[in-house]
Amino acid sequence: MNTAPDPRAGLSAAQATVQTLLLIIVSVVGTWIGIYKVPWQISGDPCLLAAAIAVLVVTVLWVTRWWGLPAVKFERILLVGFLVLMPLVYVTRYLFASKGPDANSWFWIEIFGLLIFVALAVLGVKRSPWFLAIGMVLHGLAWDSWHYGRSTYIPDWYVVACMAVDLTLGAYLIARVPTYRKASRIETNN
């Protein structure tokens, strides 16, 4: 595992170590959730598909860490896609599982959430990686926690799993902001 500073990225040894430790935490949390919380079964359930995608994303993050600075742009785009996917899971799960007239009001809440997180994802690409980090943490703190025990169509296991992944991944993103900024400056100068 390469935790040495990458002079092209302008990272200190401490920054590289913090980023690696946070990715280890994301991996441990994701593994724990995957083993103990996700009720794995073959189905078309969007929550199960999202759990599998989260495992894939964390695996790809390790690969991008090994590739160094050239992979930073890809990593950022991957996480932007992940931020868009998270509220989309809620919309598709609503369509997959909700029934009855009471459920209709939730659809517009889910669409509203989707619009907020898509906006943060776009700002995370166009303006600043801080929007991406904020969007990830906000999804866990606000969106996931708000659904816990309240939604009839999102299982609580998924809310807890998503919140844990969002918050640990958000911490990783916060630590990666200097790397994303440096990579953008290098790309602009070339």
Protein backbone atom coordinates (compact mmCIF):
# COMPACT_ATOMS: atom_id res chain seq x y z
CA MET A 1 0.00 0.00 0.00
CA ASN A 2 1.46 3.34 -1.03
CA THR A 3 0.98 6.01 1.63
CA ALA A 4 4.08 7.96 0.64
CA PRO A 5 3.48 11.51 -0.47
CA ASP A 6 2.96 12.01 -4.17
CA PRO A 7 4.98 15.11 -5.08
CA ARG A 8 2.84 15.65 -8.19
CA ALA A 9 -0.24 15.85 -5.97
CA GLY A 10 1.45 18.17 -3.49
CA LEU A 11 0.52 15.87 -0.59
CA SER A 12 2.44 15.67 2.61
CA ALA A 13 3.08 12.30 4.19
CA ALA A 14 0.50 13.20 6.86
CA GLN A 15 -2.19 13.99 4.25
CA ALA A 16 -1.50 10.77 2.36
CA THR A 17 -1.66 8.78 5.60
CA VAL A 18 -4.94 10.40 6.69
CA GLN A 19 -6.50 9.70 3.29
CA THR A 20 -5.39 6.07 3.41
CA LEU A 21 -6.62 5.61 6.99
CA LEU A 22 -10.00 7.08 6.09
CA LEU A 23 -10.28 4.76 3.10
CA ILE A 24 -9.46 1.85 5.42
CA ILE A 25 -12.29 3.01 7.71
CA VAL A 26 -14.68 3.23 4.73
CA SER A 27 -13.65 -0.31 3.78
CA VAL A 28 -14.10 -1.70 7.29
CA VAL A 29 -17.50 -0.05 7.71
CA GLY A 30 -18.57 -1.24 4.26
CA THR A 31 -17.41 -4.77 4.99
CA TRP A 32 -19.17 -4.85 8.36
CA ILE A 33 -22.38 -3.59 6.77
CA GLY A 34 -22.09 -6.03 3.88
CA ILE A 35 -21.68 -8.96 6.23
CA TYR A 36 -24.04 -8.06 9.07
CA LYS A 37 -26.68 -5.68 7.74
CA VAL A 38 -27.41 -6.41 4.08
CA PRO A 39 -29.94 -9.25 3.61
CA TRP A 40 -28.28 -10.55 0.42
CA GLN A 41 -30.59 -12.37 -1.96
CA ILE A 42 -31.19 -12.48 -5.68
CA SER A 43 -33.82 -9.87 -6.47
CA GLY A 44 -34.43 -6.64 -8.33
CA ASP A 45 -34.49 -4.63 -5.11
CA PRO A 46 -32.77 -1.28 -5.73
CA CYS A 47 -31.41 -1.28 -2.15
CA LEU A 48 -29.55 -4.54 -2.71
CA LEU A 49 -28.20 -3.29 -6.02
CA ALA A 50 -27.03 -0.08 -4.31
CA ALA A 51 -25.25 -2.10 -1.61
CA ALA A 52 -23.40 -4.06 -4.29
CA ILE A 53 -22.49 -0.84 -6.11
CA ALA A 54 -21.14 0.65 -2.86
CA VAL A 55 -18.79 -2.34 -2.52
CA LEU A 56 -17.65 -1.82 -6.12
CA VAL A 57 -17.09 1.92 -5.59
CA VAL A 58 -14.93 1.37 -2.50
CA THR A 59 -12.91 -1.23 -4.41
CA VAL A 60 -12.37 1.22 -7.28
CA LEU A 61 -11.29 3.89 -4.77
CA TRP A 62 -8.46 1.60 -3.68
CA VAL A 63 -7.41 1.16 -7.30
CA THR A 64 -7.45 4.92 -7.92
CA ARG A 65 -5.29 5.42 -4.81
CA TRP A 66 -2.71 3.00 -6.26
CA TRP A 67 -2.74 4.74 -9.64
CA GLY A 68 -2.02 8.08 -8.00
CA LEU A 69 -2.60 11.50 -9.49
CA PRO A 70 -3.61 10.37 -13.01
CA ALA A 71 -6.66 8.59 -11.53
CA VAL A 72 -7.81 11.48 -9.32
CA LYS A 73 -10.09 12.97 -11.99
CA PHE A 74 -11.72 9.56 -12.56
CA GLU A 75 -12.15 9.11 -8.80
CA ARG A 76 -13.92 12.45 -8.48
CA ILE A 77 -16.28 11.66 -11.38
CA LEU A 78 -16.98 8.22 -9.88
CA LEU A 79 -17.95 9.83 -6.57
CA VAL A 80 -20.11 12.41 -8.34
CA GLY A 81 -21.97 9.52 -9.95
CA PHE A 82 -22.29 7.82 -6.57
CA LEU A 83 -23.75 10.99 -5.04
CA VAL A 84 -26.35 11.10 -7.82
CA LEU A 85 -27.08 7.39 -7.48
CA MET A 86 -27.83 7.53 -3.74
CA PRO A 87 -31.06 9.60 -3.92
CA LEU A 88 -31.97 7.80 -7.14
CA VAL A 89 -32.07 4.58 -5.08
CA TYR A 90 -34.74 6.19 -2.90
CA VAL A 91 -36.82 7.18 -5.94
CA THR A 92 -36.54 3.76 -7.56
CA ARG A 93 -37.26 1.97 -4.28
CA TYR A 94 -40.35 4.14 -3.92
CA LEU A 95 -41.50 3.06 -7.39
CA PHE A 96 -40.53 -0.55 -6.60
CA ALA A 97 -42.30 -0.90 -3.25
CA SER A 98 -44.80 1.84 -2.42
CA LYS A 99 -48.52 1.30 -2.64
CA GLY A 100 -51.62 3.21 -1.67
CA PRO A 101 -52.65 6.86 -1.70
CA ASP A 102 -50.52 7.87 1.30
CA ALA A 103 -47.35 6.93 -0.53
CA ASN A 104 -47.89 9.51 -3.31
CA SER A 105 -46.73 12.47 -1.24
CA TRP A 106 -43.38 10.74 -0.63
CA PHE A 107 -42.67 10.58 -4.36
CA TRP A 108 -42.32 14.36 -4.58
CA ILE A 109 -40.13 14.41 -1.48
CA GLU A 110 -37.84 11.88 -3.15
CA ILE A 111 -37.74 13.91 -6.37
CA PHE A 112 -36.90 17.04 -4.35
CA GLY A 113 -34.05 15.19 -2.63
CA LEU A 114 -32.80 13.91 -5.98
CA LEU A 115 -32.68 17.47 -7.33
CA ILE A 116 -30.74 18.72 -4.30
CA PHE A 117 -28.11 15.99 -4.50
CA VAL A 118 -27.77 16.24 -8.28
CA ALA A 119 -27.18 19.98 -7.86
CA LEU A 120 -24.50 19.32 -5.23
CA ALA A 121 -22.89 16.71 -7.50
CA VAL A 122 -22.80 19.13 -10.46
CA LEU A 123 -21.36 21.86 -8.26
CA GLY A 124 -18.81 19.31 -7.05
CA VAL A 125 -17.56 18.97 -10.63
CA LYS A 126 -18.00 22.51 -11.89
CA ARG A 127 -17.14 24.61 -8.82
CA SER A 128 -15.46 22.91 -5.92
CA PRO A 129 -14.93 19.40 -4.57
CA TRP A 130 -16.26 20.72 -1.26
CA PHE A 131 -19.79 20.50 -2.70
CA LEU A 132 -19.21 16.81 -3.34
CA ALA A 133 -18.01 16.24 0.23
CA ILE A 134 -20.87 18.29 1.67
CA GLY A 135 -23.39 16.40 -0.47
CA MET A 136 -22.08 13.04 0.73
CA VAL A 137 -22.18 14.01 4.42
CA LEU A 138 -25.56 15.75 4.02
CA HIS A 139 -27.05 12.65 2.43
CA GLY A 140 -26.09 10.63 5.49
CA LEU A 141 -26.91 13.17 8.19
CA ALA A 142 -30.08 14.64 6.73
CA TRP A 143 -31.55 12.36 4.09
CA ASP A 144 -30.81 8.90 5.44
CA SER A 145 -31.52 9.74 9.07
CA TRP A 146 -34.79 11.44 8.13
CA HIS A 147 -36.01 8.23 6.46
CA TYR A 148 -35.12 5.96 9.38
CA GLY A 149 -38.28 4.47 10.90
CA ARG A 150 -40.40 6.88 8.88
CA SER A 151 -40.51 5.47 5.39
CA THR A 152 -42.63 2.46 4.47
CA TYR A 153 -40.65 1.72 1.31
CA ILE A 154 -37.01 2.11 2.42
CA PRO A 155 -35.94 -0.66 4.79
CA ASP A 156 -34.23 0.52 7.96
CA TRP A 157 -31.23 -1.75 7.31
CA TYR A 158 -30.60 0.23 4.12
CA VAL A 159 -30.93 3.59 5.85
CA VAL A 160 -28.37 2.57 8.49
CA ALA A 161 -26.03 1.10 5.89
CA CYS A 162 -26.29 4.11 3.60
CA MET A 163 -25.76 6.54 6.47
CA ALA A 164 -22.62 4.71 7.62
CA VAL A 165 -21.17 4.61 4.11
CA ASP A 166 -22.10 8.24 3.41
CA LEU A 167 -20.50 9.57 6.58
CA THR A 168 -17.28 7.58 6.27
CA LEU A 169 -17.02 8.31 2.56
CA GLY A 170 -17.76 11.98 3.28
CA ALA A 171 -14.82 12.05 5.72
CA TYR A 172 -12.62 10.52 3.03
CA LEU A 173 -13.81 13.12 0.51
CA ILE A 174 -13.05 15.95 2.93
CA ALA A 175 -9.50 14.61 3.25
CA ARG A 176 -9.23 14.30 -0.56
CA VAL A 177 -10.28 17.91 -1.33
CA PRO A 178 -6.64 19.14 -1.47
CA THR A 179 -5.80 16.31 -3.88
CA TYR A 180 -8.76 17.10 -6.14
CA ARG A 181 -7.84 20.79 -6.17
CA LYS A 182 -4.20 20.07 -6.98
CA ALA A 183 -5.19 17.69 -9.78
CA SER A 184 -7.50 20.35 -11.25
CA ARG A 185 -4.70 22.94 -11.16
CA ILE A 186 -2.26 20.55 -12.84
CA GLU A 187 -4.85 19.69 -15.50
CA THR A 188 -5.55 23.39 -16.13
CA ASN A 189 -1.84 24.16 -16.50
CA ASN A 190 -1.25 21.35 -19.04
